[in-house]
PDB file of N, CA and C in Angstrom:
ATOM      1  N   UNK A   1     121.251  80.852 149.737  1.00  0.00           N
ATOM      2  CA  UNK A   1     121.924  79.636 150.154  1.00  0.00           C
ATOM      3  C   UNK A   1     123.202  79.385 149.351  1.00  0.00           C
ATOM      4  N   UNK A   2     123.286  79.782 148.080  1.00  0.00           N
ATOM      5  CA  UNK A   2     124.533  79.572 147.346  1.00  0.00           C
ATOM      6  C   UNK A   2     125.740  80.221 148.006  1.00  0.00           C
ATOM      7  N   UNK A   3     125.562  81.383 148.674  1.00  0.00           N
ATOM      8  CA  UNK A   3     126.692  82.025 149.331  1.00  0.00           C
ATOM      9  C   UNK A   3     127.220  81.159 150.463  1.00  0.00           C
ATOM     10  N   UNK A   4     126.326  80.564 151.208  1.00  0.00           N
ATOM     11  CA  UNK A   4     126.733  79.677 152.297  1.00  0.00           C
ATOM     12  C   UNK A   4     127.458  78.474 151.725  1.00  0.00           C
ATOM     13  N   UNK A   5     126.934  77.911 150.658  1.00  0.00           N
ATOM     14  CA  UNK A   5     127.561  76.741 150.058  1.00  0.00           C
ATOM     15  C   UNK A   5     128.909  77.093 149.457  1.00  0.00           C
ATOM     16  N   UNK A   6     129.054  78.290 148.893  1.00  0.00           N
ATOM     17  CA  UNK A   6     130.345  78.707 148.362  1.00  0.00           C
ATOM     18  C   UNK A   6     131.374  78.800 149.477  1.00  0.00           C
ATOM     19  N   UNK A   7     130.947  79.285 150.639  1.00  0.00           N
ATOM     20  CA  UNK A   7     131.838  79.346 151.788  1.00  0.00           C
ATOM     21  C   UNK A   7     132.224  77.936 152.220  1.00  0.00           C
ATOM     22  N   UNK A   8     131.264  77.032 152.208  1.00  0.00           N
ATOM     23  CA  UNK A   8     131.556  75.654 152.579  1.00  0.00           C
ATOM     24  C   UNK A   8     132.510  75.002 151.588  1.00  0.00           C
ATOM     25  N   UNK A   9     132.425  75.381 150.333  1.00  0.00           N
ATOM     26  CA  UNK A   9     133.353  74.839 149.338  1.00  0.00           C
ATOM     27  C   UNK A   9     134.789  75.167 149.708  1.00  0.00           C
ATOM     28  N   UNK A  10     135.005  76.367 150.204  1.00  0.00           N
ATOM     29  CA  UNK A  10     136.348  76.751 150.618  1.00  0.00           C
ATOM     30  C   UNK A  10     136.825  75.884 151.775  1.00  0.00           C
ATOM     31  N   UNK A  11     135.900  75.492 152.634  1.00  0.00           N
ATOM     32  CA  UNK A  11     136.249  74.658 153.776  1.00  0.00           C
ATOM     33  C   UNK A  11     136.572  73.224 153.369  1.00  0.00           C
ATOM     34  N   UNK A  12     136.156  72.835 152.172  1.00  0.00           N
ATOM     35  CA  UNK A  12     136.411  71.473 151.718  1.00  0.00           C
ATOM     36  C   UNK A  12     137.903  71.193 151.596  1.00  0.00           C
ATOM     37  N   UNK A  13     138.687  72.232 151.454  1.00  0.00           N
ATOM     38  CA  UNK A  13     140.124  72.055 151.322  1.00  0.00           C
ATOM     39  C   UNK A  13     140.791  71.833 152.680  1.00  0.00           C
ATOM     40  N   UNK A  14     140.021  71.912 153.737  1.00  0.00           N
ATOM     41  CA  UNK A  14     140.540  71.651 155.075  1.00  0.00           C
ATOM     42  C   UNK A  14     140.775  70.150 155.238  1.00  0.00           C
ATOM     43  N   UNK A  15     141.191  69.743 156.413  1.00  0.00           N
ATOM     44  CA  UNK A  15     141.539  68.347 156.637  1.00  0.00           C
ATOM     45  C   UNK A  15     140.334  67.417 156.671  1.00  0.00           C
ATOM     46  N   UNK A  16     139.160  67.917 157.020  1.00  0.00           N
ATOM     47  CA  UNK A  16     137.967  67.058 157.052  1.00  0.00           C
ATOM     48  C   UNK A  16     137.530  66.694 155.647  1.00  0.00           C
ATOM     49  N   UNK A  17     137.172  65.462 155.466  1.00  0.00           N
ATOM     50  CA  UNK A  17     136.624  65.007 154.186  1.00  0.00           C
ATOM     51  C   UNK A  17     135.166  65.453 154.098  1.00  0.00           C
ATOM     52  N   UNK A  18     134.686  65.583 152.875  1.00  0.00           N
ATOM     53  CA  UNK A  18     133.345  66.107 152.645  1.00  0.00           C
ATOM     54  C   UNK A  18     132.520  65.144 151.809  1.00  0.00           C
ATOM     55  N   UNK A  19     131.255  65.040 152.157  1.00  0.00           N
ATOM     56  CA  UNK A  19     130.292  64.274 151.365  1.00  0.00           C
ATOM     57  C   UNK A  19     129.336  65.276 150.735  1.00  0.00           C
ATOM     58  N   UNK A  20     129.183  65.196 149.423  1.00  0.00           N
ATOM     59  CA  UNK A  20     128.259  66.069 148.708  1.00  0.00           C
ATOM     60  C   UNK A  20     126.921  65.350 148.578  1.00  0.00           C
ATOM     61  N   UNK A  21     125.887  65.958 149.136  1.00  0.00           N
ATOM     62  CA  UNK A  21     124.533  65.414 149.073  1.00  0.00           C
ATOM     63  C   UNK A  21     123.766  66.195 148.014  1.00  0.00           C
ATOM     64  N   UNK A  22     123.187  65.481 147.064  1.00  0.00           N
ATOM     65  CA  UNK A  22     122.357  66.108 146.041  1.00  0.00           C
ATOM     66  C   UNK A  22     120.930  65.637 146.282  1.00  0.00           C
ATOM     67  N   UNK A  23     120.120  66.538 146.798  1.00  0.00           N
ATOM     68  CA  UNK A  23     118.751  66.180 147.193  1.00  0.00           C
ATOM     69  C   UNK A  23     117.897  67.440 147.217  1.00  0.00           C
ATOM     70  N   UNK A  24     116.694  67.354 146.677  1.00  0.00           N
ATOM     71  CA  UNK A  24     115.830  68.531 146.651  1.00  0.00           C
ATOM     72  C   UNK A  24     114.794  68.556 147.778  1.00  0.00           C
ATOM     73  N   UNK A  25     114.685  67.490 148.533  1.00  0.00           N
ATOM     74  CA  UNK A  25     113.741  67.456 149.650  1.00  0.00           C
ATOM     75  C   UNK A  25     114.440  68.002 150.905  1.00  0.00           C
ATOM     76  N   UNK A  26     113.976  69.132 151.438  1.00  0.00           N
ATOM     77  CA  UNK A  26     114.662  69.738 152.582  1.00  0.00           C
ATOM     78  C   UNK A  26     114.680  68.859 153.830  1.00  0.00           C
ATOM     79  N   UNK A  27     113.656  68.041 154.030  1.00  0.00           N
ATOM     80  CA  UNK A  27     113.628  67.166 155.208  1.00  0.00           C
ATOM     81  C   UNK A  27     114.681  66.068 155.104  1.00  0.00           C
ATOM     82  N   UNK A  28     114.836  65.511 153.927  1.00  0.00           N
ATOM     83  CA  UNK A  28     115.863  64.488 153.720  1.00  0.00           C
ATOM     84  C   UNK A  28     117.245  65.111 153.857  1.00  0.00           C
ATOM     85  N   UNK A  29     117.418  66.313 153.313  1.00  0.00           N
ATOM     86  CA  UNK A  29     118.701  67.020 153.442  1.00  0.00           C
ATOM     87  C   UNK A  29     119.054  67.236 154.907  1.00  0.00           C
ATOM     88  N   UNK A  30     118.085  67.693 155.674  1.00  0.00           N
ATOM     89  CA  UNK A  30     118.320  67.940 157.098  1.00  0.00           C
ATOM     90  C   UNK A  30     118.693  66.648 157.816  1.00  0.00           C
ATOM     91  N   UNK A  31     117.960  65.576 157.533  1.00  0.00           N
ATOM     92  CA  UNK A  31     118.242  64.292 158.165  1.00  0.00           C
ATOM     93  C   UNK A  31     119.638  63.795 157.800  1.00  0.00           C
ATOM     94  N   UNK A  32     119.970  63.808 156.512  1.00  0.00           N
ATOM     95  CA  UNK A  32     121.272  63.307 156.075  1.00  0.00           C
ATOM     96  C   UNK A  32     122.417  64.145 156.629  1.00  0.00           C
ATOM     97  N   UNK A  33     122.242  65.448 156.627  1.00  0.00           N
ATOM     98  CA  UNK A  33     123.277  66.332 157.165  1.00  0.00           C
ATOM     99  C   UNK A  33     123.512  66.051 158.640  1.00  0.00           C
ATOM    100  N   UNK A  34     122.437  65.920 159.388  1.00  0.00           N
ATOM    101  CA  UNK A  34     122.552  65.648 160.811  1.00  0.00           C
ATOM    102  C   UNK A  34     123.196  64.280 161.051  1.00  0.00           C
ATOM    103  N   UNK A  35     122.759  63.275 160.322  1.00  0.00           N
ATOM    104  CA  UNK A  35     123.303  61.930 160.503  1.00  0.00           C
ATOM    105  C   UNK A  35     124.788  61.887 160.162  1.00  0.00           C
ATOM    106  N   UNK A  36     125.157  62.502 159.064  1.00  0.00           N
ATOM    107  CA  UNK A  36     126.567  62.502 158.660  1.00  0.00           C
ATOM    108  C   UNK A  36     127.413  63.251 159.680  1.00  0.00           C
ATOM    109  N   UNK A  37     126.932  64.399 160.136  1.00  0.00           N
ATOM    110  CA  UNK A  37     127.687  65.201 161.099  1.00  0.00           C
ATOM    111  C   UNK A  37     127.857  64.492 162.438  1.00  0.00           C
ATOM    112  N   UNK A  38     126.822  63.796 162.872  1.00  0.00           N
ATOM    113  CA  UNK A  38     126.864  63.156 164.185  1.00  0.00           C
ATOM    114  C   UNK A  38     127.522  61.784 164.174  1.00  0.00           C
ATOM    115  N   UNK A  39     127.427  61.070 163.071  1.00  0.00           N
ATOM    116  CA  UNK A  39     127.859  59.677 163.058  1.00  0.00           C
ATOM    117  C   UNK A  39     129.147  59.406 162.289  1.00  0.00           C
ATOM    118  N   UNK A  40     129.670  60.407 161.607  1.00  0.00           N
ATOM    119  CA  UNK A  40     130.884  60.193 160.814  1.00  0.00           C
ATOM    120  C   UNK A  40     131.860  61.343 161.042  1.00  0.00           C
ATOM    121  N   UNK A  41     133.098  61.167 160.628  1.00  0.00           N
ATOM    122  CA  UNK A  41     134.058  62.274 160.726  1.00  0.00           C
ATOM    123  C   UNK A  41     133.960  63.240 159.543  1.00  0.00           C
ATOM    124  N   UNK A  42     132.983  63.049 158.686  1.00  0.00           N
ATOM    125  CA  UNK A  42     132.856  63.861 157.479  1.00  0.00           C
ATOM    126  C   UNK A  42     131.944  65.058 157.695  1.00  0.00           C
ATOM    127  N   UNK A  43     132.100  66.051 156.833  1.00  0.00           N
ATOM    128  CA  UNK A  43     131.149  67.158 156.814  1.00  0.00           C
ATOM    129  C   UNK A  43     130.256  66.976 155.601  1.00  0.00           C
ATOM    130  N   UNK A  44     129.042  67.470 155.692  1.00  0.00           N
ATOM    131  CA  UNK A  44     128.080  67.342 154.599  1.00  0.00           C
ATOM    132  C   UNK A  44     127.957  68.674 153.873  1.00  0.00           C
ATOM    133  N   UNK A  45     127.937  68.594 152.564  1.00  0.00           N
ATOM    134  CA  UNK A  45     127.730  69.755 151.710  1.00  0.00           C
ATOM    135  C   UNK A  45     126.502  69.469 150.868  1.00  0.00           C
ATOM    136  N   UNK A  46     125.597  70.433 150.775  1.00  0.00           N
ATOM    137  CA  UNK A  46     124.312  70.197 150.121  1.00  0.00           C
ATOM    138  C   UNK A  46     124.202  70.910 148.780  1.00  0.00           C
ATOM    139  N   UNK A  47     123.606  70.211 147.826  1.00  0.00           N
ATOM    140  CA  UNK A  47     123.235  70.803 146.541  1.00  0.00           C
ATOM    141  C   UNK A  47     121.796  70.396 146.274  1.00  0.00           C
ATOM    142  N   UNK A  48     120.974  71.362 145.899  1.00  0.00           N
ATOM    143  CA  UNK A  48     119.558  71.068 145.677  1.00  0.00           C
ATOM    144  C   UNK A  48     119.283  70.484 144.302  1.00  0.00           C
ATOM    145  N   UNK A  49     120.215  70.666 143.373  1.00  0.00           N
ATOM    146  CA  UNK A  49     120.038  70.132 142.018  1.00  0.00           C
ATOM    147  C   UNK A  49     121.347  69.530 141.529  1.00  0.00           C
ATOM    148  N   UNK A  50     121.234  68.681 140.529  1.00  0.00           N
ATOM    149  CA  UNK A  50     122.427  68.117 139.919  1.00  0.00           C
ATOM    150  C   UNK A  50     123.287  69.188 139.285  1.00  0.00           C
ATOM    151  N   UNK A  51     122.633  70.192 138.708  1.00  0.00           N
ATOM    152  CA  UNK A  51     123.369  71.296 138.083  1.00  0.00           C
ATOM    153  C   UNK A  51     124.202  72.048 139.118  1.00  0.00           C
ATOM    154  N   UNK A  52     123.594  72.325 140.270  1.00  0.00           N
ATOM    155  CA  UNK A  52     124.327  73.023 141.340  1.00  0.00           C
ATOM    156  C   UNK A  52     125.465  72.152 141.865  1.00  0.00           C
ATOM    157  N   UNK A  53     125.241  70.865 141.988  1.00  0.00           N
ATOM    158  CA  UNK A  53     126.297  69.957 142.443  1.00  0.00           C
ATOM    159  C   UNK A  53     127.469  69.984 141.474  1.00  0.00           C
ATOM    160  N   UNK A  54     127.177  69.967 140.187  1.00  0.00           N
ATOM    161  CA  UNK A  54     128.232  70.011 139.181  1.00  0.00           C
ATOM    162  C   UNK A  54     129.022  71.313 139.294  1.00  0.00           C
ATOM    163  N   UNK A  55     128.333  72.434 139.499  1.00  0.00           N
ATOM    164  CA  UNK A  55     129.014  73.715 139.679  1.00  0.00           C
ATOM    165  C   UNK A  55     129.922  73.675 140.903  1.00  0.00           C
ATOM    166  N   UNK A  56     129.433  73.073 141.968  1.00  0.00           N
ATOM    167  CA  UNK A  56     130.193  73.022 143.213  1.00  0.00           C
ATOM    168  C   UNK A  56     131.454  72.187 143.064  1.00  0.00           C
ATOM    169  N   UNK A  57     131.372  71.063 142.377  1.00  0.00           N
ATOM    170  CA  UNK A  57     132.557  70.209 142.268  1.00  0.00           C
ATOM    171  C   UNK A  57     133.594  70.789 141.320  1.00  0.00           C
ATOM    172  N   UNK A  58     133.205  71.731 140.502  1.00  0.00           N
ATOM    173  CA  UNK A  58     134.166  72.387 139.625  1.00  0.00           C
ATOM    174  C   UNK A  58     135.173  73.210 140.424  1.00  0.00           C
ATOM    175  N   UNK A  59     134.817  73.586 141.644  1.00  0.00           N
ATOM    176  CA  UNK A  59     135.679  74.408 142.492  1.00  0.00           C
ATOM    177  C   UNK A  59     136.558  73.583 143.427  1.00  0.00           C
ATOM    178  N   UNK A  60     136.445  72.299 143.349  1.00  0.00           N
ATOM    179  CA  UNK A  60     137.229  71.432 144.247  1.00  0.00           C
ATOM    180  C   UNK A  60     138.524  71.045 143.569  1.00  0.00           C
TER     181      UNK A  60
END
């Protein structure tokens, strides 16, 4: 999954704004991702841990 997220990090520089979700429950992640994608103009980026989220924001 980190490879997919690394690819998504590159997309963060596109015109769409991104919301970073830090959540370890896969069902909540799925729900939030779907809700954000369907109800907002933002894209959702997922991190399963705070440590991974911190690594991801270092590339922004």
